[in-house]
C-alpha atoms as a PDB file:
ATOM      1  CA  MET A   1       0.142   0.081  -0.062  1.00  0.00           C
ATOM      2  CA  SER A   2       1.272   3.697  -0.816  1.00  0.00           C
ATOM      3  CA  LYS A   3       2.043   6.223   1.973  1.00  0.00           C
ATOM      4  CA  SER A   4      -0.790   8.653   3.005  1.00  0.00           C
ATOM      5  CA  GLU A   5      -0.021  12.492   2.641  1.00  0.00           C
ATOM      6  CA  ILE A   6      -0.871  13.964   6.216  1.00  0.00           C
ATOM      7  CA  LYS A   7      -1.024  18.076   5.691  1.00  0.00           C
ATOM      8  CA  VAL A   8      -0.345  20.291   8.825  1.00  0.00           C
ATOM      9  CA  ASN A   9      -2.133  23.653   9.392  1.00  0.00           C
ATOM     10  CA  ILE A  10      -0.325  26.662   9.689  1.00  0.00           C
ATOM     11  CA  PRO A  11      -0.588  28.567  13.096  1.00  0.00           C
ATOM     12  CA  LEU A  12      -3.301  31.168  13.358  1.00  0.00           C
ATOM     13  CA  ASN A  13      -0.762  33.926  13.726  1.00  0.00           C
ATOM     14  CA  LEU A  14       1.823  32.941  11.726  1.00  0.00           C
ATOM     15  CA  LYS A  15       3.527  35.970  10.768  1.00  0.00           C
ATOM     16  CA  ALA A  16       5.508  36.361   7.061  1.00  0.00           C
ATOM     17  CA  ASP A  17       8.496  36.840   8.321  1.00  0.00           C
ATOM     18  CA  ASP A  18       8.327  33.440   9.970  1.00  0.00           C
ATOM     19  CA  SER A  19       7.163  31.610   7.082  1.00  0.00           C
ATOM     20  CA  TYR A  20      10.380  29.488   6.932  1.00  0.00           C
ATOM     21  CA  LEU A  21       9.914  28.366  10.350  1.00  0.00           C
ATOM     22  CA  PHE A  22       7.350  26.096   9.750  1.00  0.00           C
ATOM     23  CA  LYS A  23       7.703  25.539   5.781  1.00  0.00           C
ATOM     24  CA  GLN A  24       9.044  22.128   5.390  1.00  0.00           C
ATOM     25  CA  TYR A  25       6.933  19.972   8.249  1.00  0.00           C
ATOM     26  CA  LEU A  26       3.800  21.771   6.394  1.00  0.00           C
ATOM     27  CA  ASN A  27       2.978  18.199   4.534  1.00  0.00           C
ATOM     28  CA  TYR A  28       4.918  14.531   5.559  1.00  0.00           C
ATOM     29  CA  LYS A  29       3.887  11.122   4.370  1.00  0.00           C
ATOM     30  CA  ILE A  30       2.911   8.281   6.653  1.00  0.00           C
ATOM     31  CA  SER A  31       3.087   4.243   5.625  1.00  0.00           C
ATOM     32  CA  PRO A  32       0.176   2.135   6.434  1.00  0.00           C
ATOM     33  CA  PHE A  33      -0.244   0.488   9.893  1.00  0.00           C
ATOM     34  CA  LYS A  34       1.432  -3.090  10.094  1.00  0.00           C
ATOM     35  CA  ILE A  35       1.449  -5.853  12.211  1.00  0.00           C
ATOM     36  CA  SER A  36       4.186  -8.043  12.492  1.00  0.00           C
ATOM     37  CA  LYS A  37       3.605 -11.575  14.394  1.00  0.00           C
ATOM     38  CA  LEU A  38       6.129 -14.129  15.119  1.00  0.00           C
ATOM     39  CA  ILE A  39       6.022 -17.745  15.883  1.00  0.00           C
ATOM     40  CA  ALA A  40       9.362 -17.062  18.385  1.00  0.00           C
ATOM     41  CA  GLY A  41      12.154 -14.885  18.594  1.00  0.00           C
ATOM     42  CA  PHE A  42      14.641 -12.432  20.270  1.00  0.00           C
ATOM     43  CA  ILE A  43      13.759  -9.315  22.235  1.00  0.00           C
ATOM     44  CA  HIS A  44      16.638  -6.723  22.931  1.00  0.00           C
ATOM     45  CA  PRO A  45      15.947  -4.288  25.839  1.00  0.00           C
ATOM     46  CA  ASN A  46      16.139  -1.552  23.026  1.00  0.00           C
ATOM     47  CA  GLY A  47      12.993  -2.501  21.150  1.00  0.00           C
ATOM     48  CA  ASN A  48      15.004  -4.635  17.967  1.00  0.00           C
ATOM     49  CA  VAL A  49      13.317  -8.245  18.182  1.00  0.00           C
ATOM     50  CA  PHE A  50      14.851 -10.275  15.697  1.00  0.00           C
ATOM     51  CA  ASN A  51      13.448 -13.726  13.985  1.00  0.00           C
ATOM     52  CA  LEU A  52      14.570 -17.222  14.220  1.00  0.00           C
ATOM     53  CA  GLY A  53      17.183 -16.388  11.491  1.00  0.00           C
ATOM     54  CA  LEU A  54      18.646 -13.463  13.259  1.00  0.00           C
ATOM     55  CA  ARG A  55      17.297 -10.509  11.537  1.00  0.00           C
ATOM     56  CA  SER A  56      15.143  -7.356  13.003  1.00  0.00           C
ATOM     57  CA  ILE A  57      11.655  -7.164  12.162  1.00  0.00           C
ATOM     58  CA  ASP A  58      11.210  -3.968  10.143  1.00  0.00           C
ATOM     59  CA  GLU A  59       8.667  -2.983  12.495  1.00  0.00           C
ATOM     60  CA  SER A  60      10.610  -2.738  15.632  1.00  0.00           C
ATOM     61  CA  VAL A  61      13.411  -0.115  13.981  1.00  0.00           C
ATOM     62  CA  LEU A  62      13.382   2.922  15.242  1.00  0.00           C
ATOM     63  CA  LEU A  63      14.797   4.335  11.886  1.00  0.00           C
ATOM     64  CA  ILE A  64      16.196   8.249  12.170  1.00  0.00           C
ATOM     65  CA  GLU A  65      18.720  10.073  10.640  1.00  0.00           C
ATOM     66  CA  GLY A  66      22.580   8.626  11.791  1.00  0.00           C
ATOM     67  CA  ARG A  67      21.035   5.154  12.650  1.00  0.00           C
ATOM     68  CA  GLN A  68      21.835   2.340  11.203  1.00  0.00           C
ATOM     69  CA  LYS A  69      19.304  -1.060  10.657  1.00  0.00           C
ATOM     70  CA  PRO A  70      20.688  -3.718  13.518  1.00  0.00           C
ATOM     71  CA  ASN A  71      21.944  -6.332  11.900  1.00  0.00           C
ATOM     72  CA  THR A  72      23.273 -10.216  12.488  1.00  0.00           C
ATOM     73  CA  ASN A  73      26.607  -9.247  13.894  1.00  0.00           C
ATOM     74  CA  PHE A  74      24.806  -6.996  16.087  1.00  0.00           C
ATOM     75  CA  ILE A  75      22.216  -9.672  17.906  1.00  0.00           C
ATOM     76  CA  LEU A  76      25.168 -12.443  17.783  1.00  0.00           C
ATOM     77  CA  LYS A  77      27.388 -10.207  19.793  1.00  0.00           C
ATOM     78  CA  GLU A  78      24.968  -9.052  22.192  1.00  0.00           C
ATOM     79  CA  LEU A  79      23.730 -12.955  22.612  1.00  0.00           C
ATOM     80  CA  LEU A  80      27.202 -13.640  23.790  1.00  0.00           C
ATOM     81  CA  ASN A  81      27.410 -10.470  26.107  1.00  0.00           C
ATOM     82  CA  LYS A  82      23.935 -10.334  28.022  1.00  0.00           C
ATOM     83  CA  LYS A  83      22.223 -12.879  29.680  1.00  0.00           C
ATOM     84  CA  PHE A  84      19.923 -15.218  27.870  1.00  0.00           C
ATOM     85  CA  LYS A  85      15.941 -15.516  29.304  1.00  0.00           C
ATOM     86  CA  ILE A  86      13.258 -18.060  28.078  1.00  0.00           C
ATOM     87  CA  ASP A  87       9.878 -17.480  27.958  1.00  0.00           C
ATOM     88  CA  LEU A  88       7.626 -19.497  27.017  1.00  0.00           C
ATOM     89  CA  GLY A  89       4.292 -18.663  28.395  1.00  0.00           C
ATOM     90  CA  SER A  90       1.387 -19.030  26.749  1.00  0.00           C
ATOM     91  CA  ASN A  91       0.934 -15.011  26.441  1.00  0.00           C
ATOM     92  CA  THR A  92       1.367 -13.255  23.232  1.00  0.00           C
ATOM     93  CA  LYS A  93       4.230 -10.897  24.440  1.00  0.00           C
ATOM     94  CA  ILE A  94       4.016  -7.415  22.681  1.00  0.00           C
ATOM     95  CA  VAL A  95       6.691  -5.028  21.630  1.00  0.00           C
ATOM     96  CA  ALA A  96       5.764  -1.702  21.089  1.00  0.00           C
ATOM     97  CA  PHE A  97       9.142   0.271  22.637  1.00  0.00           C
ATOM     98  CA  ASN A  98      12.333   1.724  21.600  1.00  0.00           C
ATOM     99  CA  ASP A  99      15.109   3.393  23.448  1.00  0.00           C
ATOM    100  CA  TRP A 100      13.523   6.898  23.251  1.00  0.00           C
ATOM    101  CA  SER A 101      10.234   5.891  24.883  1.00  0.00           C
ATOM    102  CA  GLU A 102      10.893   6.231  28.198  1.00  0.00           C
ATOM    103  CA  ASN A 103      10.813   9.961  27.727  1.00  0.00           C
ATOM    104  CA  TYR A 104       7.323  10.886  28.518  1.00  0.00           C
ATOM    105  CA  PHE A 105       6.784  12.499  24.925  1.00  0.00           C
ATOM    106  CA  HIS A 106       7.940   9.357  22.884  1.00  0.00           C
ATOM    107  CA  TRP A 107       6.067   7.193  25.445  1.00  0.00           C
ATOM    108  CA  CYS A 108       2.405   9.021  24.396  1.00  0.00           C
ATOM    109  CA  CYS A 109       3.290   9.783  21.215  1.00  0.00           C
ATOM    110  CA  ASP A 110       5.369   6.999  19.697  1.00  0.00           C
ATOM    111  CA  SER A 111       4.850   3.968  21.683  1.00  0.00           C
ATOM    112  CA  LEU A 112       0.866   4.208  23.000  1.00  0.00           C
ATOM    113  CA  PRO A 113      -0.440   4.929  19.326  1.00  0.00           C
ATOM    114  CA  ARG A 114       1.458   1.349  18.200  1.00  0.00           C
ATOM    115  CA  LEU A 115      -0.673   0.064  21.281  1.00  0.00           C
ATOM    116  CA  ILE A 116      -4.066   1.449  20.579  1.00  0.00           C
ATOM    117  CA  LYS A 117      -4.122   0.383  17.540  1.00  0.00           C
ATOM    118  CA  ILE A 118      -3.892  -3.584  18.104  1.00  0.00           C
ATOM    119  CA  LEU A 119      -6.929  -3.536  20.813  1.00  0.00           C
ATOM    120  CA  ASP A 120      -9.484  -4.667  18.090  1.00  0.00           C
ATOM    121  CA  THR A 121      -7.047  -7.696  17.428  1.00  0.00           C
ATOM    122  CA  LEU A 122      -5.994  -9.292  20.455  1.00  0.00           C
ATOM    123  CA  ASP A 123      -7.054 -10.224  23.607  1.00  0.00           C
ATOM    124  CA  VAL A 124      -5.575  -8.023  26.131  1.00  0.00           C
ATOM    125  CA  LYS A 125      -6.455 -10.486  28.836  1.00  0.00           C
ATOM    126  CA  SER A 126      -3.911 -13.012  27.478  1.00  0.00           C
ATOM    127  CA  SER A 127      -1.096 -10.442  26.481  1.00  0.00           C
ATOM    128  CA  THR A 128       1.919  -9.637  27.974  1.00  0.00           C
ATOM    129  CA  VAL A 129       3.354  -5.838  27.246  1.00  0.00           C
ATOM    130  CA  ILE A 130       6.909  -5.936  27.273  1.00  0.00           C
ATOM    131  CA  ILE A 131       9.061  -2.878  28.308  1.00  0.00           C
ATOM    132  CA  PRO A 132      12.539  -2.431  29.939  1.00  0.00           C
ATOM    133  CA  GLU A 133      13.173  -2.254  34.119  1.00  0.00           C
ATOM    134  CA  SER A 134      13.750   1.355  33.356  1.00  0.00           C
ATOM    135  CA  PHE A 135      10.758   2.158  32.669  1.00  0.00           C
ATOM    136  CA  ARG A 136       8.794   1.765  35.823  1.00  0.00           C
ATOM    137  CA  HIS A 137       7.148   5.387  35.566  1.00  0.00           C
ATOM    138  CA  LEU A 138       3.593   5.492  36.819  1.00  0.00           C
ATOM    139  CA  TYR A 139       2.877   7.477  33.788  1.00  0.00           C
ATOM    140  CA  ILE A 140       3.837   4.651  31.902  1.00  0.00           C
ATOM    141  CA  SER A 141       1.931   1.759  34.191  1.00  0.00           C
ATOM    142  CA  ASP A 142      -1.114   4.170  34.250  1.00  0.00           C
ATOM    143  CA  THR A 143      -1.143   4.406  30.587  1.00  0.00           C
ATOM    144  CA  LEU A 144      -1.212   0.982  29.999  1.00  0.00           C
ATOM    145  CA  ALA A 145      -3.819   0.115  32.638  1.00  0.00           C
ATOM    146  CA  LEU A 146      -6.194   2.782  31.173  1.00  0.00           C
ATOM    147  CA  LEU A 147      -5.740   0.662  27.811  1.00  0.00           C
ATOM    148  CA  GLY A 148      -6.260  -2.447  29.268  1.00  0.00           C
ATOM    149  CA  PHE A 149      -2.799  -3.681  29.556  1.00  0.00           C
ATOM    150  CA  GLU A 150      -2.825  -5.834  32.965  1.00  0.00           C
ATOM    151  CA  ASP A 151       0.220  -7.764  32.606  1.00  0.00           C
ATOM    152  CA  ILE A 152       3.552  -6.112  31.753  1.00  0.00           C
ATOM    153  CA  ARG A 153       7.148  -8.197  32.046  1.00  0.00           C
ATOM    154  CA  TYR A 154      10.127  -6.123  32.504  1.00  0.00           C
ATOM    155  CA  ILE A 155      12.919  -6.654  30.320  1.00  0.00           C
ATOM    156  CA  LYS A 156      16.687  -5.862  31.683  1.00  0.00           C
ATOM    157  CA  LEU A 157      19.482  -3.929  30.077  1.00  0.00           C
ATOM    158  CA  ASN A 158      21.757  -6.750  30.373  1.00  0.00           C
ATOM    159  CA  GLU A 159      19.536  -9.360  28.997  1.00  0.00           C
ATOM    160  CA  ILE A 160      17.558 -11.252  25.918  1.00  0.00           C
ATOM    161  CA  ILE A 161      14.384 -12.706  26.148  1.00  0.00           C
ATOM    162  CA  PHE A 162      13.649 -15.232  23.659  1.00  0.00           C
ATOM    163  CA  SER A 163      10.021 -15.978  23.733  1.00  0.00           C
ATOM    164  CA  GLY A 164       7.282 -17.676  21.781  1.00  0.00           C
ATOM    165  CA  LYS A 165       4.053 -15.662  20.247  1.00  0.00           C
ATOM    166  CA  ILE A 166       5.369 -11.934  19.373  1.00  0.00           C
ATOM    167  CA  VAL A 167       3.442  -9.594  18.276  1.00  0.00           C
ATOM    168  CA  ILE A 168       5.020  -5.901  16.888  1.00  0.00           C
ATOM    169  CA  PRO A 169       3.340  -3.024  15.921  1.00  0.00           C
ATOM    170  CA  SER A 170       4.774  -0.479  13.207  1.00  0.00           C
ATOM    171  CA  TYR A 171       4.878   3.055  14.213  1.00  0.00           C
ATOM    172  CA  THR A 172       1.858   4.869  13.347  1.00  0.00           C
ATOM    173  CA  ALA A 173       4.315   8.135  11.732  1.00  0.00           C
ATOM    174  CA  PRO A 174       7.991   8.747  11.950  1.00  0.00           C
ATOM    175  CA  THR A 175       9.116  10.435  15.783  1.00  0.00           C
ATOM    176  CA  GLY A 176       7.496  13.792  15.678  1.00  0.00           C
ATOM    177  CA  TYR A 177       5.018  12.869  13.263  1.00  0.00           C
ATOM    178  CA  PHE A 178       1.475  11.657  13.773  1.00  0.00           C
ATOM    179  CA  ASN A 179      -1.304  10.014  11.916  1.00  0.00           C
ATOM    180  CA  PRO A 180      -4.232  11.843  12.702  1.00  0.00           C
ATOM    181  CA  GLU A 181      -6.688   9.354  12.925  1.00  0.00           C
ATOM    182  CA  ILE A 182      -4.475   6.953  15.469  1.00  0.00           C
ATOM    183  CA  ILE A 183      -3.387   9.994  17.742  1.00  0.00           C
ATOM    184  CA  ARG A 184      -7.124  11.410  18.191  1.00  0.00           C
ATOM    185  CA  SER A 185      -8.500   8.105  18.403  1.00  0.00           C
ATOM    186  CA  LEU A 186      -5.950   7.513  21.769  1.00  0.00           C
ATOM    187  CA  SER A 187      -6.859  10.955  22.751  1.00  0.00           C
ATOM    188  CA  LYS A 188     -10.845   9.842  22.940  1.00  0.00           C
ATOM    189  CA  LYS A 189      -9.774   6.814  24.731  1.00  0.00           C
ATOM    190  CA  LEU A 190      -7.982   8.301  27.557  1.00  0.00           C
ATOM    191  CA  ARG A 191     -10.271  10.744  27.663  1.00  0.00           C
ATOM    192  CA  GLU A 192     -13.366   8.116  28.756  1.00  0.00           C
ATOM    193  CA  LYS A 193     -10.972   6.849  31.311  1.00  0.00           C
ATOM    194  CA  ILE A 194     -10.624  10.689  33.021  1.00  0.00           C
ATOM    195  CA  LYS A 195     -12.409  11.573  36.503  1.00  0.00           C
ATOM    196  CA  ASP A 196     -14.376  14.838  35.767  1.00  0.00           C
ATOM    197  CA  SER A 197     -13.594  16.965  38.567  1.00  0.00           C
ATOM    198  CA  LEU A 198     -11.745  19.536  37.610  1.00  0.00           C
ATOM    199  CA  HIS A 199     -12.131  22.503  35.466  1.00  0.00           C
ATOM    200  CA  TYR A 200      -9.272  24.412  34.537  1.00  0.00           C
ATOM    201  CA  GLN A 201     -10.202  25.729  31.081  1.00  0.00           C
ATOM    202  CA  LYS A 202      -7.081  28.083  30.326  1.00  0.00           C
ATOM    203  CA  ILE A 203      -3.675  26.326  31.462  1.00  0.00           C
ATOM    204  CA  TYR A 204       0.033  28.146  31.683  1.00  0.00           C
ATOM    205  CA  VAL A 205       2.771  24.938  31.888  1.00  0.00           C
ATOM    206  CA  SER A 206       5.321  26.210  34.366  1.00  0.00           C
ATOM    207  CA  ARG A 207       8.746  24.940  33.440  1.00  0.00           C
ATOM    208  CA  GLU A 208       9.879  26.507  37.059  1.00  0.00           C
ATOM    209  CA  LYS A 209      11.142  23.343  38.613  1.00  0.00           C
ATOM    210  CA  ALA A 210      13.177  21.609  35.269  1.00  0.00           C
ATOM    211  CA  ASN A 211      16.700  21.644  34.660  1.00  0.00           C
ATOM    212  CA  LYS A 212      16.075  23.406  30.898  1.00  0.00           C
ATOM    213  CA  ARG A 213      13.763  25.342  28.483  1.00  0.00           C
ATOM    214  CA  LYS A 214      12.979  28.006  31.608  1.00  0.00           C
ATOM    215  CA  VAL A 215      11.217  30.980  30.935  1.00  0.00           C
ATOM    216  CA  GLN A 216      13.792  32.916  32.528  1.00  0.00           C
ATOM    217  CA  ASN A 217      11.593  36.139  33.172  1.00  0.00           C
ATOM    218  CA  GLU A 218       8.487  33.948  34.134  1.00  0.00           C
ATOM    219  CA  ASN A 219       6.947  36.085  37.120  1.00  0.00           C
ATOM    220  CA  GLU A 220       6.742  38.918  34.566  1.00  0.00           C
ATOM    221  CA  LEU A 221       4.060  37.232  33.017  1.00  0.00           C
ATOM    222  CA  PHE A 222       1.997  35.456  35.896  1.00  0.00           C
ATOM    223  CA  THR A 223       0.137  39.118  36.345  1.00  0.00           C
ATOM    224  CA  CYS A 224      -1.377  38.775  32.588  1.00  0.00           C
ATOM    225  CA  LEU A 225      -2.066  35.137  32.930  1.00  0.00           C
ATOM    226  CA  GLU A 226      -4.300  35.224  35.992  1.00  0.00           C
ATOM    227  CA  ALA A 227      -5.805  38.770  34.928  1.00  0.00           C
ATOM    228  CA  ASN A 228      -6.736  36.831  31.951  1.00  0.00           C
ATOM    229  CA  GLY A 229      -7.933  33.519  34.170  1.00  0.00           C
ATOM    230  CA  PHE A 230      -5.095  31.326  33.375  1.00  0.00           C
ATOM    231  CA  LYS A 231      -4.254  28.459  36.301  1.00  0.00           C
ATOM    232  CA  ILE A 232      -0.156  28.292  36.674  1.00  0.00           C
ATOM    233  CA  ILE A 233       0.565  24.097  36.676  1.00  0.00           C
ATOM    234  CA  CYS A 234       3.616  22.905  37.227  1.00  0.00           C
ATOM    235  CA  PHE A 235       2.904  19.025  35.916  1.00  0.00           C
ATOM    236  CA  GLU A 236       5.711  17.786  38.406  1.00  0.00           C
ATOM    237  CA  ASP A 237       3.483  18.683  41.272  1.00  0.00           C
ATOM    238  CA  HIS A 238       0.824  16.255  40.155  1.00  0.00           C
ATOM    239  CA  SER A 239       0.513  12.405  39.305  1.00  0.00           C
ATOM    240  CA  PHE A 240      -0.291  10.998  35.902  1.00  0.00           C
ATOM    241  CA  LEU A 241      -3.777  10.796  36.963  1.00  0.00           C
ATOM    242  CA  GLU A 242      -3.996  13.837  38.019  1.00  0.00           C
ATOM    243  CA  GLN A 243      -2.604  15.609  34.827  1.00  0.00           C
ATOM    244  CA  LEU A 244      -5.066  14.286  32.974  1.00  0.00           C
ATOM    245  CA  GLU A 245      -8.224  15.671  35.151  1.00  0.00           C
ATOM    246  CA  ILE A 246      -6.003  18.907  35.027  1.00  0.00           C
ATOM    247  CA  MET A 247      -6.295  19.020  31.159  1.00  0.00           C
ATOM    248  CA  TYR A 248      -9.565  17.365  30.348  1.00  0.00           C
ATOM    249  CA  HIS A 249     -11.657  20.865  30.505  1.00  0.00           C
ATOM    250  CA  CYS A 250      -8.667  22.639  28.756  1.00  0.00           C
ATOM    251  CA  LYS A 251      -9.359  24.581  26.345  1.00  0.00           C
ATOM    252  CA  TYR A 252      -6.270  27.199  26.038  1.00  0.00           C
ATOM    253  CA  LEU A 253      -3.143  25.785  26.883  1.00  0.00           C
ATOM    254  CA  ILE A 254       0.159  27.756  26.845  1.00  0.00           C
ATOM    255  CA  GLY A 255       3.619  26.747  27.655  1.00  0.00           C
ATOM    256  CA  ILE A 256       7.135  26.489  26.582  1.00  0.00           C
ATOM    257  CA  HIS A 257       8.810  23.212  24.139  1.00  0.00           C
ATOM    258  CA  GLY A 258       8.420  20.894  26.750  1.00  0.00           C
ATOM    259  CA  ALA A 259       7.003  17.564  28.173  1.00  0.00           C
ATOM    260  CA  GLY A 260       4.108  19.805  29.219  1.00  0.00           C
ATOM    261  CA  LEU A 261       2.977  20.396  25.518  1.00  0.00           C
ATOM    262  CA  THR A 262       2.539  16.692  25.444  1.00  0.00           C
ATOM    263  CA  ASN A 263      -0.342  17.127  27.346  1.00  0.00           C
ATOM    264  CA  MET A 264      -2.790  18.612  24.385  1.00  0.00           C
ATOM    265  CA  LEU A 265      -3.494  14.835  24.122  1.00  0.00           C
ATOM    266  CA  PHE A 266      -5.964  14.999  26.963  1.00  0.00           C
ATOM    267  CA  MET A 267      -7.878  17.946  25.638  1.00  0.00           C
ATOM    268  CA  HIS A 268     -11.105  17.834  24.077  1.00  0.00           C
ATOM    269  CA  GLU A 269     -10.724  18.638  19.933  1.00  0.00           C
ATOM    270  CA  LYS A 270     -10.579  22.477  18.611  1.00  0.00           C
ATOM    271  CA  GLY A 271      -8.451  23.433  21.972  1.00  0.00           C
ATOM    272  CA  LYS A 272      -5.869  25.893  21.135  1.00  0.00           C
ATOM    273  CA  VAL A 273      -2.243  25.651  21.993  1.00  0.00           C
ATOM    274  CA  LEU A 274       0.582  29.269  22.050  1.00  0.00           C
ATOM    275  CA  GLU A 275       3.838  27.492  22.566  1.00  0.00           C
ATOM    276  CA  LEU A 276       6.626  29.849  23.419  1.00  0.00           C
ATOM    277  CA  ARG A 277       9.633  28.923  20.990  1.00  0.00           C
ATOM    278  CA  ILE A 278      13.261  30.107  21.093  1.00  0.00           C
ATOM    279  CA  GLU A 279      13.502  32.495  17.897  1.00  0.00           C
ATOM    280  CA  LYS A 280      15.053  31.584  14.733  1.00  0.00           C
ATOM    281  CA  GLU A 281      14.290  27.508  15.861  1.00  0.00           C
ATOM    282  CA  THR A 282      13.279  25.785  12.744  1.00  0.00           C
ATOM    283  CA  ASP A 283      13.769  22.075  14.362  1.00  0.00           C
ATOM    284  CA  LEU A 284      11.636  21.270  17.150  1.00  0.00           C
ATOM    285  CA  ASN A 285       8.542  21.883  15.796  1.00  0.00           C
ATOM    286  CA  CYS A 286       6.783  18.316  17.142  1.00  0.00           C
ATOM    287  CA  TYR A 287       4.336  20.212  19.184  1.00  0.00           C
ATOM    288  CA  PHE A 288       3.218  22.083  15.885  1.00  0.00           C
ATOM    289  CA  ILE A 289       2.754  19.288  14.235  1.00  0.00           C
ATOM    290  CA  MET A 290       0.790  17.629  17.162  1.00  0.00           C
ATOM    291  CA  ALA A 291      -1.430  20.370  17.462  1.00  0.00           C
ATOM    292  CA  SER A 292      -2.589  19.652  13.878  1.00  0.00           C
ATOM    293  CA  ALA A 293      -2.933  16.427  13.810  1.00  0.00           C
ATOM    294  CA  LEU A 294      -5.150  17.060  17.339  1.00  0.00           C
ATOM    295  CA  ASN A 295      -7.267  19.243  15.876  1.00  0.00           C
ATOM    296  CA  HIS A 296      -6.513  21.985  17.716  1.00  0.00           C
ATOM    297  CA  SER A 297      -5.083  25.590  16.394  1.00  0.00           C
ATOM    298  CA  TYR A 298      -1.792  26.156  16.980  1.00  0.00           C
ATOM    299  CA  TYR A 299      -0.086  29.704  17.829  1.00  0.00           C
ATOM    300  CA  TYR A 300       3.529  30.941  19.096  1.00  0.00           C
ATOM    301  CA  LEU A 301       5.377  33.353  19.957  1.00  0.00           C
ATOM    302  CA  SER A 302       9.134  34.039  19.313  1.00  0.00           C
ATOM    303  CA  CYS A 303      11.302  34.942  22.046  1.00  0.00           C
ATOM    304  CA  LYS A 304      15.231  35.731  22.846  1.00  0.00           C
ATOM    305  CA  PRO A 305      17.590  33.128  24.309  1.00  0.00           C
ATOM    306  CA  ALA A 306      18.018  34.261  27.785  1.00  0.00           C
ATOM    307  CA  ASP A 307      21.814  33.437  27.760  1.00  0.00           C
ATOM    308  CA  ASP A 308      23.577  34.593  24.373  1.00  0.00           C
ATOM    309  CA  ASN A 309      26.116  31.623  24.649  1.00  0.00           C
ATOM    310  CA  MET A 310      23.307  29.095  25.010  1.00  0.00           C
ATOM    311  CA  THR A 311      20.945  29.359  21.971  1.00  0.00           C
ATOM    312  CA  TYR A 312      20.447  25.513  20.960  1.00  0.00           C
ATOM    313  CA  ALA A 313      16.257  24.668  21.640  1.00  0.00           C
ATOM    314  CA  HIS A 314      16.852  21.747  23.052  1.00  0.00           C
ATOM    315  CA  TYR A 315      18.542  23.276  26.449  1.00  0.00           C
ATOM    316  CA  ALA A 316      18.670  27.299  26.688  1.00  0.00           C
ATOM    317  CA  ASP A 317      15.721  29.201  28.392  1.00  0.00           C
ATOM    318  CA  VAL A 318      14.159  31.358  27.042  1.00  0.00           C
ATOM    319  CA  LYS A 319      13.721  35.597  27.834  1.00  0.00           C
ATOM    320  CA  VAL A 320       9.716  36.650  27.444  1.00  0.00           C
ATOM    321  CA  ASP A 321       8.735  40.070  25.639  1.00  0.00           C
ATOM    322  CA  PRO A 322       6.033  40.634  28.533  1.00  0.00           C
ATOM    323  CA  ALA A 323       4.002  43.309  26.079  1.00  0.00           C
ATOM    324  CA  LEU A 324       4.640  41.298  23.584  1.00  0.00           C
ATOM    325  CA  PHE A 325       3.583  37.880  24.736  1.00  0.00           C
ATOM    326  CA  GLU A 326       0.094  39.863  26.200  1.00  0.00           C
ATOM    327  CA  ASP A 327      -0.868  41.198  22.641  1.00  0.00           C
ATOM    328  CA  THR A 328      -0.516  37.217  21.605  1.00  0.00           C
ATOM    329  CA  LEU A 329      -2.244  35.802  24.636  1.00  0.00           C
ATOM    330  CA  LEU A 330      -4.963  38.420  24.251  1.00  0.00           C
ATOM    331  CA  ASN A 331      -5.108  37.127  20.514  1.00  0.00           C
ATOM    332  CA  PHE A 332      -4.964  33.884  21.354  1.00  0.00           C
ATOM    333  CA  ILE A 333      -8.035  33.546  23.653  1.00  0.00           C
ATOM    334  CA  SER A 334     -10.076  36.349  21.346  1.00  0.00           C
END
């Protein structure tokens, strides 16, 4: 089957001079979803799965720039250097992770779409999700439970599991991109499980407690935010299930590039997202693409780096112009 082309909605406050920031992301292609099933095979702690002929299964491989598909020599070496575990239990083993999946964004946006897509194709009660030992985070166990996956098997970094009955769902889109139909289905499924108790419609995500990508002069924005009805949230202070509750009624979400913006996943469609971006940044556009895939309107505000010597957007703090922020916010909520 041929690939599908996905179009991305432009920011609603796009300035002509900023078109270059988004131009290369306005459309992309995704492959049809596929499920690979093995009678038996080898599961590596980085998420790669190999058949009995020691060939890697395409659906298990995260193919990104600079990374090659693991070959037979790789798995032979790993079999010699790691502990060998045998699991011949009757449960079907599901592998839908990679070595980035422990990250909140990548778990929610890469692994969970793969898992929800197979819910209708197998008996969850007789299935075991395989994830690394390091993945013992509540947001991972909670999301698995919300989707109905009850049995989890943790694989250690120093072991390889030989197992029968392995299922590997393909990636639903390249990392940082989305299959709109599947990500919206995931959003709806998770919202169905949320306890409807909080009623925050306007949320500003603070990264005050993070170790990078902070708004250095954030306190200068609080008066404007509070005057316009925004609740200031540090998601680090809340459990994963509480975060779902916080986001359930959210219609307006503001934040700097970071994990907190991933929580737009739990908003109802047709919300609004305002991302504070470091000026001239053209690479970190996953939330721009995500907003479009979830049918949210996307706005942005370009911000200067707080330190002229630290301009790499993945790490840099920013300084926001309070007057420009207020103008943008008023446009955002109008």
